[in-house]
Amino acid sequence: MQCVSCFLLGFFFLLRQHHSTLSVQTEWSNASWTQCYGALGGTVDIQLMDNTSEINRYQLLKSSLKILDVRKNTVISNTIRERAHFPSNGTFRINKLNRTDSGNYSLQTFDSDGKSSDERILQLFIEGKCLLETLKN
């Protein structure tokens, strides 16, 4: 059962669905902006990039607040670590989604000289609980 509809045209943000977890995969080749919808109380997996070893430094920001900062494959900061997990495969997972998670997220990458090399935007909307989750409770 599809609990969430998501339209992505991306290279950095990949998501897919199983159980109550949002998880939709796509390639984002030319778009620098996309939007997605998540279920209140659910989980979202954001595939930041396919190969993290090729990127010297990257940051994930929500509005202008730094959520994640990674340098040379080492997580320097994860400001929502009580609900978020960053495994080494380049995926950023946010659990127990709430309405304040809605907003614009930007992924900024930097070259070895520390200069900004790219920026991608994801607009995330958190909406009512997934019907499957409501029926379980």
N, C-alpha and C. Protein backbone atom coordinates (compact mmCIF):
# COMPACT_ATOMS: atom_id res chain seq x y z
N MET A 1 0.85 -1.18 0.00
CA MET A 1 0.00 0.00 0.00
C MET A 1 0.89 1.23 0.00
N GLN A 2 0.62 2.11 -0.91
CA GLN A 2 1.40 3.34 -1.01
C GLN A 2 0.85 4.35 -0.01
N CYS A 3 1.62 4.68 1.02
CA CYS A 3 1.18 5.62 2.06
C CYS A 3 1.55 7.05 1.73
N VAL A 4 2.48 7.22 0.87
CA VAL A 4 3.02 8.55 0.60
C VAL A 4 3.21 8.71 -0.89
N SER A 5 2.84 9.87 -1.41
CA SER A 5 3.17 10.12 -2.81
C SER A 5 4.35 11.06 -2.86
N CYS A 6 5.25 10.79 -3.76
CA CYS A 6 6.49 11.58 -3.79
C CYS A 6 6.92 11.77 -5.23
N PHE A 7 7.20 12.99 -5.60
CA PHE A 7 7.69 13.28 -6.94
C PHE A 7 9.12 13.78 -6.81
N LEU A 8 10.04 13.04 -7.38
CA LEU A 8 11.46 13.40 -7.30
C LEU A 8 12.05 13.37 -8.69
N LEU A 9 12.93 14.27 -8.96
CA LEU A 9 13.68 14.29 -10.22
C LEU A 9 15.15 14.39 -9.89
N GLY A 10 15.67 13.68 -8.92
CA GLY A 10 16.93 14.03 -8.34
C GLY A 10 18.12 13.14 -8.56
N PHE A 11 19.23 13.66 -8.22
CA PHE A 11 20.49 12.94 -8.19
C PHE A 11 20.90 12.64 -6.76
N PHE A 12 20.69 13.59 -5.84
CA PHE A 12 21.12 13.41 -4.46
C PHE A 12 20.05 12.84 -3.54
N PHE A 13 18.79 13.16 -3.74
CA PHE A 13 17.76 12.73 -2.80
C PHE A 13 17.02 11.52 -3.35
N LEU A 14 17.30 10.35 -2.80
CA LEU A 14 16.65 9.12 -3.21
C LEU A 14 15.87 8.59 -2.01
N LEU A 15 14.64 8.16 -2.25
CA LEU A 15 13.79 7.69 -1.17
C LEU A 15 13.10 6.39 -1.60
N ARG A 16 12.68 5.50 -0.67
CA ARG A 16 11.96 4.29 -1.05
C ARG A 16 10.94 3.84 0.01
N GLN A 17 9.94 2.98 -0.29
CA GLN A 17 8.88 2.63 0.66
C GLN A 17 8.88 1.14 1.02
N HIS A 18 8.90 0.83 2.33
CA HIS A 18 8.58 -0.50 2.82
C HIS A 18 8.12 -0.35 4.26
N HIS A 19 7.21 -1.20 4.69
CA HIS A 19 6.54 -1.09 5.98
C HIS A 19 5.94 0.31 6.09
N SER A 20 6.18 1.02 7.19
CA SER A 20 5.67 2.38 7.30
C SER A 20 6.76 3.40 6.98
N THR A 21 7.84 2.94 6.42
CA THR A 21 8.97 3.81 6.13
C THR A 21 8.87 4.34 4.70
N LEU A 22 8.95 5.64 4.56
CA LEU A 22 8.99 6.24 3.24
C LEU A 22 10.32 5.92 2.61
N SER A 23 10.29 5.51 1.39
CA SER A 23 11.51 5.11 0.74
C SER A 23 11.26 5.04 -0.76
N VAL A 24 11.46 6.11 -1.49
CA VAL A 24 11.22 6.15 -2.92
C VAL A 24 12.54 6.45 -3.61
N GLN A 25 12.90 5.67 -4.60
CA GLN A 25 14.19 5.88 -5.26
C GLN A 25 13.99 6.52 -6.63
N THR A 26 14.87 7.44 -6.94
CA THR A 26 14.87 8.05 -8.26
C THR A 26 16.23 8.67 -8.54
N GLU A 27 16.48 9.04 -9.77
CA GLU A 27 17.72 9.73 -10.13
C GLU A 27 17.39 11.19 -10.35
N TRP A 28 18.22 12.06 -9.85
CA TRP A 28 18.03 13.50 -9.98
C TRP A 28 19.16 14.03 -10.83
N SER A 29 19.00 13.96 -12.15
CA SER A 29 20.12 14.24 -13.03
C SER A 29 20.32 15.72 -13.31
N ASN A 30 19.27 16.44 -13.66
CA ASN A 30 19.45 17.84 -14.05
C ASN A 30 18.74 18.83 -13.13
N ALA A 31 17.82 18.37 -12.32
CA ALA A 31 17.06 19.28 -11.47
C ALA A 31 17.85 19.67 -10.24
N SER A 32 17.74 20.93 -9.85
CA SER A 32 18.41 21.38 -8.63
C SER A 32 17.40 21.55 -7.51
N TRP A 33 16.13 21.26 -7.78
CA TRP A 33 15.07 21.41 -6.78
C TRP A 33 14.03 20.33 -6.99
N THR A 34 13.49 19.80 -5.89
CA THR A 34 12.41 18.81 -5.97
C THR A 34 11.57 18.89 -4.71
N GLN A 35 10.41 18.23 -4.72
CA GLN A 35 9.58 18.21 -3.53
C GLN A 35 9.11 16.80 -3.24
N CYS A 36 8.79 16.55 -1.97
CA CYS A 36 8.41 15.22 -1.52
C CYS A 36 7.43 15.33 -0.36
N TYR A 37 6.61 14.30 -0.17
CA TYR A 37 5.63 14.27 0.91
C TYR A 37 5.93 13.08 1.81
N GLY A 38 5.90 13.30 3.14
CA GLY A 38 6.14 12.26 4.12
C GLY A 38 4.95 12.13 5.07
N ALA A 39 4.80 10.97 5.69
CA ALA A 39 3.70 10.71 6.61
C ALA A 39 4.08 11.09 8.04
N LEU A 40 3.19 11.79 8.71
CA LEU A 40 3.38 12.17 10.10
C LEU A 40 3.64 10.93 10.94
N GLY A 41 4.70 10.94 11.73
CA GLY A 41 5.05 9.79 12.57
C GLY A 41 5.87 8.73 11.86
N GLY A 42 6.03 8.86 10.55
CA GLY A 42 6.77 7.87 9.77
C GLY A 42 8.27 8.14 9.74
N THR A 43 8.91 7.55 8.76
CA THR A 43 10.36 7.67 8.59
C THR A 43 10.66 8.04 7.15
N VAL A 44 11.66 8.85 6.94
CA VAL A 44 12.09 9.18 5.59
C VAL A 44 13.58 8.89 5.47
N ASP A 45 13.95 8.23 4.38
CA ASP A 45 15.35 7.97 4.04
C ASP A 45 15.71 8.89 2.89
N ILE A 46 16.72 9.71 3.08
CA ILE A 46 17.18 10.62 2.04
C ILE A 46 18.56 10.17 1.60
N GLN A 47 18.66 9.67 0.36
CA GLN A 47 19.95 9.26 -0.17
C GLN A 47 20.66 10.51 -0.66
N LEU A 48 21.60 10.99 0.14
CA LEU A 48 22.27 12.25 -0.19
C LEU A 48 23.13 12.14 -1.44
N MET A 49 23.80 11.01 -1.60
CA MET A 49 24.63 10.80 -2.79
C MET A 49 24.95 9.32 -2.92
N ASP A 50 25.33 8.92 -4.12
CA ASP A 50 25.65 7.52 -4.37
C ASP A 50 27.00 7.12 -3.80
N ASN A 51 27.98 7.99 -3.93
CA ASN A 51 29.33 7.66 -3.50
C ASN A 51 29.88 8.80 -2.65
N THR A 52 29.82 8.64 -1.33
CA THR A 52 30.27 9.70 -0.43
C THR A 52 31.77 9.90 -0.47
N SER A 53 32.53 8.89 -0.88
CA SER A 53 33.99 9.01 -0.87
C SER A 53 34.50 10.02 -1.91
N GLU A 54 33.67 10.34 -2.90
CA GLU A 54 34.08 11.30 -3.93
C GLU A 54 33.90 12.75 -3.50
N ILE A 55 33.19 12.99 -2.42
CA ILE A 55 32.89 14.35 -1.96
C ILE A 55 33.73 14.65 -0.73
N ASN A 56 34.51 15.71 -0.77
CA ASN A 56 35.37 16.08 0.35
C ASN A 56 34.57 16.52 1.57
N ARG A 57 33.57 17.36 1.34
CA ARG A 57 32.74 17.86 2.44
C ARG A 57 31.35 18.14 1.92
N TYR A 58 30.34 17.86 2.74
CA TYR A 58 28.97 18.23 2.41
C TYR A 58 28.19 18.53 3.67
N GLN A 59 27.17 19.37 3.50
CA GLN A 59 26.31 19.77 4.60
C GLN A 59 24.87 19.67 4.16
N LEU A 60 24.00 19.26 5.09
CA LEU A 60 22.57 19.26 4.87
C LEU A 60 21.99 20.32 5.79
N LEU A 61 21.27 21.26 5.22
CA LEU A 61 20.67 22.34 6.00
C LEU A 61 19.16 22.33 5.85
N LYS A 62 18.46 22.69 6.91
CA LYS A 62 17.02 22.92 6.85
C LYS A 62 16.83 24.40 7.06
N SER A 63 16.27 25.07 6.06
CA SER A 63 16.28 26.53 6.00
C SER A 63 17.75 26.93 6.09
N SER A 64 18.18 27.65 7.10
CA SER A 64 19.60 27.98 7.20
C SER A 64 20.28 27.25 8.36
N LEU A 65 19.55 26.35 9.04
CA LEU A 65 20.09 25.60 10.18
C LEU A 65 20.83 24.36 9.69
N LYS A 66 22.09 24.21 10.09
CA LYS A 66 22.88 23.05 9.69
C LYS A 66 22.39 21.81 10.44
N ILE A 67 21.92 20.81 9.70
CA ILE A 67 21.42 19.55 10.26
C ILE A 67 22.55 18.52 10.31
N LEU A 68 23.33 18.45 9.24
CA LEU A 68 24.37 17.45 9.11
C LEU A 68 25.60 18.08 8.46
N ASP A 69 26.76 17.77 9.01
CA ASP A 69 28.03 18.25 8.45
C ASP A 69 28.98 17.05 8.39
N VAL A 70 29.44 16.71 7.19
CA VAL A 70 30.32 15.55 6.99
C VAL A 70 31.57 16.01 6.25
N ARG A 71 32.73 15.63 6.79
CA ARG A 71 34.02 15.95 6.17
C ARG A 71 34.83 14.68 6.06
N LYS A 72 35.28 14.39 4.85
CA LYS A 72 36.09 13.19 4.59
C LYS A 72 35.46 11.94 5.20
N ASN A 73 34.16 11.76 4.95
CA ASN A 73 33.37 10.61 5.41
C ASN A 73 33.25 10.50 6.92
N THR A 74 33.51 11.57 7.65
CA THR A 74 33.35 11.58 9.10
C THR A 74 32.26 12.59 9.45
N VAL A 75 31.24 12.12 10.20
CA VAL A 75 30.17 13.02 10.62
C VAL A 75 30.72 13.96 11.69
N ILE A 76 30.73 15.25 11.39
CA ILE A 76 31.20 16.27 12.33
C ILE A 76 30.06 16.68 13.25
N SER A 77 28.86 16.86 12.69
CA SER A 77 27.70 17.18 13.52
C SER A 77 26.43 16.65 12.88
N ASN A 78 25.49 16.26 13.75
CA ASN A 78 24.16 15.80 13.37
C ASN A 78 23.24 16.36 14.44
N THR A 79 22.62 17.50 14.17
CA THR A 79 21.87 18.22 15.21
C THR A 79 20.56 17.57 15.61
N ILE A 80 20.09 16.59 14.84
CA ILE A 80 18.87 15.88 15.24
C ILE A 80 19.16 14.40 15.45
N ARG A 81 20.31 14.11 16.05
CA ARG A 81 20.77 12.73 16.21
C ARG A 81 19.83 11.85 17.01
N GLU A 82 18.97 12.45 17.87
CA GLU A 82 18.03 11.63 18.63
C GLU A 82 16.95 11.01 17.73
N ARG A 83 16.74 11.58 16.54
CA ARG A 83 15.76 11.04 15.60
C ARG A 83 16.36 10.72 14.24
N ALA A 84 17.63 11.02 14.07
CA ALA A 84 18.23 10.85 12.74
C ALA A 84 19.46 9.96 12.81
N HIS A 85 19.67 9.23 11.72
CA HIS A 85 20.78 8.29 11.63
C HIS A 85 21.46 8.50 10.28
N PHE A 86 22.77 8.41 10.27
CA PHE A 86 23.52 8.58 9.03
C PHE A 86 24.49 7.42 8.85
N PRO A 87 24.02 6.32 8.21
CA PRO A 87 24.94 5.20 7.96
C PRO A 87 25.95 5.59 6.88
N SER A 88 26.95 4.79 6.71
CA SER A 88 28.05 5.11 5.79
C SER A 88 27.69 5.01 4.31
N ASN A 89 26.47 4.59 3.98
CA ASN A 89 26.10 4.44 2.57
C ASN A 89 25.57 5.72 1.93
N GLY A 90 25.64 6.84 2.63
CA GLY A 90 25.19 8.11 2.07
C GLY A 90 23.73 8.43 2.31
N THR A 91 23.03 7.60 3.08
CA THR A 91 21.62 7.82 3.39
C THR A 91 21.49 8.57 4.70
N PHE A 92 20.57 9.52 4.74
CA PHE A 92 20.25 10.24 5.97
C PHE A 92 18.81 9.88 6.32
N ARG A 93 18.59 9.23 7.46
CA ARG A 93 17.26 8.77 7.88
C ARG A 93 16.73 9.64 9.01
N ILE A 94 15.51 10.13 8.84
CA ILE A 94 14.83 10.87 9.90
C ILE A 94 13.64 10.03 10.35
N ASN A 95 13.61 9.68 11.64
CA ASN A 95 12.53 8.88 12.23
C ASN A 95 11.52 9.79 12.92
N LYS A 96 10.35 9.23 13.19
CA LYS A 96 9.29 9.93 13.94
C LYS A 96 9.05 11.33 13.38
N LEU A 97 8.75 11.38 12.10
CA LEU A 97 8.53 12.66 11.43
C LEU A 97 7.45 13.47 12.12
N ASN A 98 7.70 14.75 12.29
CA ASN A 98 6.68 15.64 12.83
C ASN A 98 6.51 16.82 11.89
N ARG A 99 5.50 17.61 12.14
CA ARG A 99 5.18 18.71 11.21
C ARG A 99 6.31 19.73 11.09
N THR A 100 7.11 19.87 12.14
CA THR A 100 8.23 20.83 12.06
C THR A 100 9.35 20.34 11.14
N ASP A 101 9.31 19.08 10.72
CA ASP A 101 10.29 18.58 9.75
C ASP A 101 9.99 19.08 8.34
N SER A 102 8.76 19.58 8.12
CA SER A 102 8.43 20.17 6.82
C SER A 102 9.32 21.37 6.57
N GLY A 103 9.70 21.56 5.34
CA GLY A 103 10.50 22.74 4.99
C GLY A 103 11.46 22.47 3.86
N ASN A 104 12.30 23.44 3.60
CA ASN A 104 13.30 23.34 2.54
C ASN A 104 14.61 22.83 3.10
N TYR A 105 15.12 21.78 2.50
CA TYR A 105 16.42 21.21 2.87
C TYR A 105 17.36 21.45 1.70
N SER A 106 18.59 21.82 2.00
CA SER A 106 19.57 21.99 0.92
C SER A 106 20.81 21.16 1.23
N LEU A 107 21.31 20.53 0.20
CA LEU A 107 22.55 19.77 0.29
C LEU A 107 23.63 20.59 -0.40
N GLN A 108 24.64 20.99 0.34
CA GLN A 108 25.74 21.77 -0.21
C GLN A 108 26.99 20.90 -0.21
N THR A 109 27.67 20.86 -1.34
CA THR A 109 28.92 20.10 -1.44
C THR A 109 30.07 21.07 -1.66
N PHE A 110 31.25 20.65 -1.21
CA PHE A 110 32.44 21.50 -1.27
C PHE A 110 33.60 20.71 -1.86
N ASP A 111 34.45 21.40 -2.62
CA ASP A 111 35.62 20.74 -3.18
C ASP A 111 36.75 20.69 -2.15
N SER A 112 37.89 20.17 -2.54
CA SER A 112 39.01 20.00 -1.60
C SER A 112 39.59 21.33 -1.12
N ASP A 113 39.30 22.41 -1.83
CA ASP A 113 39.75 23.74 -1.41
C ASP A 113 38.74 24.43 -0.49
N GLY A 114 37.63 23.74 -0.22
CA GLY A 114 36.59 24.32 0.64
C GLY A 114 35.61 25.22 -0.08
N LYS A 115 35.71 25.28 -1.41
CA LYS A 115 34.79 26.11 -2.19
C LYS A 115 33.53 25.32 -2.50
N SER A 116 32.39 26.01 -2.42
CA SER A 116 31.10 25.38 -2.73
C SER A 116 31.11 24.89 -4.17
N SER A 117 30.74 23.62 -4.36
CA SER A 117 30.77 23.05 -5.71
C SER A 117 29.37 22.76 -6.25
N ASP A 118 28.37 22.59 -5.37
CA ASP A 118 27.02 22.30 -5.84
C ASP A 118 26.03 22.50 -4.70
N GLU A 119 24.78 22.75 -5.06
CA GLU A 119 23.71 22.84 -4.07
C GLU A 119 22.44 22.28 -4.67
N ARG A 120 21.76 21.42 -3.92
CA ARG A 120 20.49 20.82 -4.34
C ARG A 120 19.46 21.11 -3.26
N ILE A 121 18.20 21.32 -3.66
CA ILE A 121 17.13 21.67 -2.74
C ILE A 121 16.05 20.59 -2.75
N LEU A 122 15.60 20.20 -1.56
CA LEU A 122 14.47 19.29 -1.40
C LEU A 122 13.45 20.00 -0.53
N GLN A 123 12.21 20.10 -1.01
CA GLN A 123 11.13 20.66 -0.21
C GLN A 123 10.32 19.48 0.31
N LEU A 124 10.33 19.31 1.64
CA LEU A 124 9.67 18.17 2.29
C LEU A 124 8.39 18.64 2.96
N PHE A 125 7.28 17.95 2.68
CA PHE A 125 5.99 18.23 3.30
C PHE A 125 5.62 17.03 4.17
N ILE A 126 5.32 17.26 5.44
CA ILE A 126 4.86 16.20 6.33
C ILE A 126 3.36 16.38 6.48
N GLU A 127 2.62 15.30 6.17
CA GLU A 127 1.17 15.36 6.21
C GLU A 127 0.63 14.31 7.15
N GLY A 128 -0.70 14.22 7.30
CA GLY A 128 -1.35 13.31 8.23
C GLY A 128 -0.79 11.91 8.22
N LYS A 129 -1.10 11.16 9.29
CA LYS A 129 -0.56 9.81 9.44
C LYS A 129 -0.94 8.92 8.27
N CYS A 130 -0.08 8.00 7.98
CA CYS A 130 -0.31 6.97 6.99
C CYS A 130 -1.53 6.14 7.42
N LEU A 131 -2.43 5.82 6.52
CA LEU A 131 -3.62 5.04 6.84
C LEU A 131 -3.26 3.71 7.48
N LEU A 132 -2.22 3.05 7.01
CA LEU A 132 -1.77 1.78 7.57
C LEU A 132 -1.38 1.96 9.03
N GLU A 133 -0.66 3.04 9.36
CA GLU A 133 -0.26 3.31 10.74
C GLU A 133 -1.48 3.59 11.61
N THR A 134 -2.47 4.33 11.08
CA THR A 134 -3.68 4.65 11.84
C THR A 134 -4.44 3.38 12.17
N LEU A 135 -4.54 2.44 11.22
CA LEU A 135 -5.25 1.19 11.45
C LEU A 135 -4.55 0.31 12.48
N LYS A 136 -3.22 0.37 12.56
CA LYS A 136 -2.46 -0.41 13.54
C LYS A 136 -2.74 0.05 14.96
N ASN A 137 -2.93 1.37 15.15
CA ASN A 137 -3.09 1.95 16.49
C ASN A 137 -4.46 1.81 16.99
